[in-house]
Amino acid sequence: MLEKESFEIEKIYVPVKRLKTLDPDKVAEIAESMLEEGQLTPIRLRAGKDRFVLVEGLHRLEALKALGETSVDGYLVHARLH
């Protein structure tokens, strides 16, 4: 079972391919929701060399950055590389 942890946002790498899917309107909508309710759904990360790599949750991560947060709740998963 996955255990929720807190991760420093500055130690999270977002692959360029994933960044291309970023929708600023969706980020703003999620940020507004987070102001009222907090982060409800953790992101998913995998361990990389000296950092964590985002697997799922780009818009949640960017919304937290926009709100000035320094940490994010997430799950550390063992994702296979394709």
Protein backbone atom coordinates (compact mmCIF):
# COMPACT_ATOMS: atom_id res chain seq x y z
CA MET A 1 0.00 0.00 0.00
CA LEU A 2 1.24 3.47 -0.83
CA GLU A 3 2.10 5.79 2.03
CA LYS A 4 1.56 9.54 1.63
CA GLU A 5 4.70 11.62 2.19
CA SER A 6 5.66 15.28 1.95
CA PHE A 7 8.19 16.24 -0.74
CA GLU A 8 10.08 19.48 -1.32
CA ILE A 9 8.83 21.00 -4.57
CA GLU A 10 12.32 22.19 -5.55
CA LYS A 11 13.54 18.56 -5.61
CA ILE A 12 10.92 17.47 -8.15
CA TYR A 13 11.85 17.23 -11.83
CA VAL A 14 9.09 17.50 -14.43
CA PRO A 15 9.96 15.84 -17.75
CA VAL A 16 9.77 18.21 -20.74
CA LYS A 17 7.33 15.90 -22.51
CA ARG A 18 4.94 16.20 -19.55
CA LEU A 19 5.33 19.99 -19.36
CA LYS A 20 3.98 20.28 -22.90
CA THR A 21 0.56 19.15 -21.59
CA LEU A 22 0.30 22.03 -19.09
CA ASP A 23 -2.99 23.96 -19.20
CA PRO A 24 -2.70 27.32 -17.35
CA ASP A 25 -6.49 27.59 -16.96
CA LYS A 26 -6.62 24.20 -15.24
CA VAL A 27 -3.74 25.22 -12.94
CA ALA A 28 -5.64 28.38 -11.91
CA GLU A 29 -8.81 26.38 -11.26
CA ILE A 30 -6.97 23.83 -9.10
CA ALA A 31 -5.11 26.58 -7.21
CA GLU A 32 -8.41 28.25 -6.36
CA SER A 33 -9.81 24.94 -5.12
CA MET A 34 -6.66 24.33 -3.04
CA LEU A 35 -7.07 27.70 -1.33
CA GLU A 36 -10.46 26.56 -0.06
CA GLU A 37 -9.91 22.84 0.52
CA GLY A 38 -6.16 22.20 0.51
CA GLN A 39 -4.47 19.49 -1.52
CA LEU A 40 -6.92 16.59 -1.60
CA THR A 41 -5.17 14.24 -4.03
CA PRO A 42 -1.45 13.44 -3.66
CA ILE A 43 0.80 13.50 -6.73
CA ARG A 44 2.88 10.47 -7.77
CA LEU A 45 6.65 10.52 -7.99
CA ARG A 46 9.44 8.07 -8.67
CA ALA A 47 12.94 8.24 -7.31
CA GLY A 48 15.51 9.64 -9.70
CA LYS A 49 19.19 10.42 -9.27
CA ASP A 50 19.39 13.11 -6.55
CA ARG A 51 15.77 14.15 -7.17
CA PHE A 52 12.23 12.89 -7.69
CA VAL A 53 10.59 12.61 -11.10
CA LEU A 54 6.94 13.51 -11.55
CA VAL A 55 4.81 10.61 -12.74
CA GLU A 56 1.32 12.05 -12.23
CA GLY A 57 -0.07 15.36 -10.94
CA LEU A 58 1.47 18.12 -13.04
CA HIS A 59 -1.43 20.54 -12.62
CA ARG A 60 -1.61 19.99 -8.85
CA LEU A 61 2.14 20.56 -8.58
CA GLU A 62 2.00 23.76 -10.66
CA ALA A 63 -1.00 25.01 -8.65
CA LEU A 64 0.96 24.59 -5.42
CA LYS A 65 3.92 26.43 -6.95
CA ALA A 66 1.61 29.27 -7.98
CA LEU A 67 0.35 29.47 -4.39
CA GLY A 68 3.92 29.79 -3.12
CA GLU A 69 4.01 26.40 -1.39
CA THR A 70 7.36 24.71 -0.82
CA SER A 71 6.15 21.14 -0.29
CA VAL A 72 3.61 18.77 -1.82
CA ASP A 73 1.92 15.59 -0.61
CA GLY A 74 2.70 12.63 -2.80
CA TYR A 75 3.21 8.92 -3.18
CA LEU A 76 6.57 7.44 -4.07
CA VAL A 77 5.92 4.77 -6.71
CA HIS A 78 8.13 2.33 -8.53
CA ALA A 79 7.34 3.30 -12.11
CA ARG A 80 8.80 1.37 -15.00
CA LEU A 81 10.69 3.29 -17.64
CA HIS A 82 9.29 2.86 -21.16
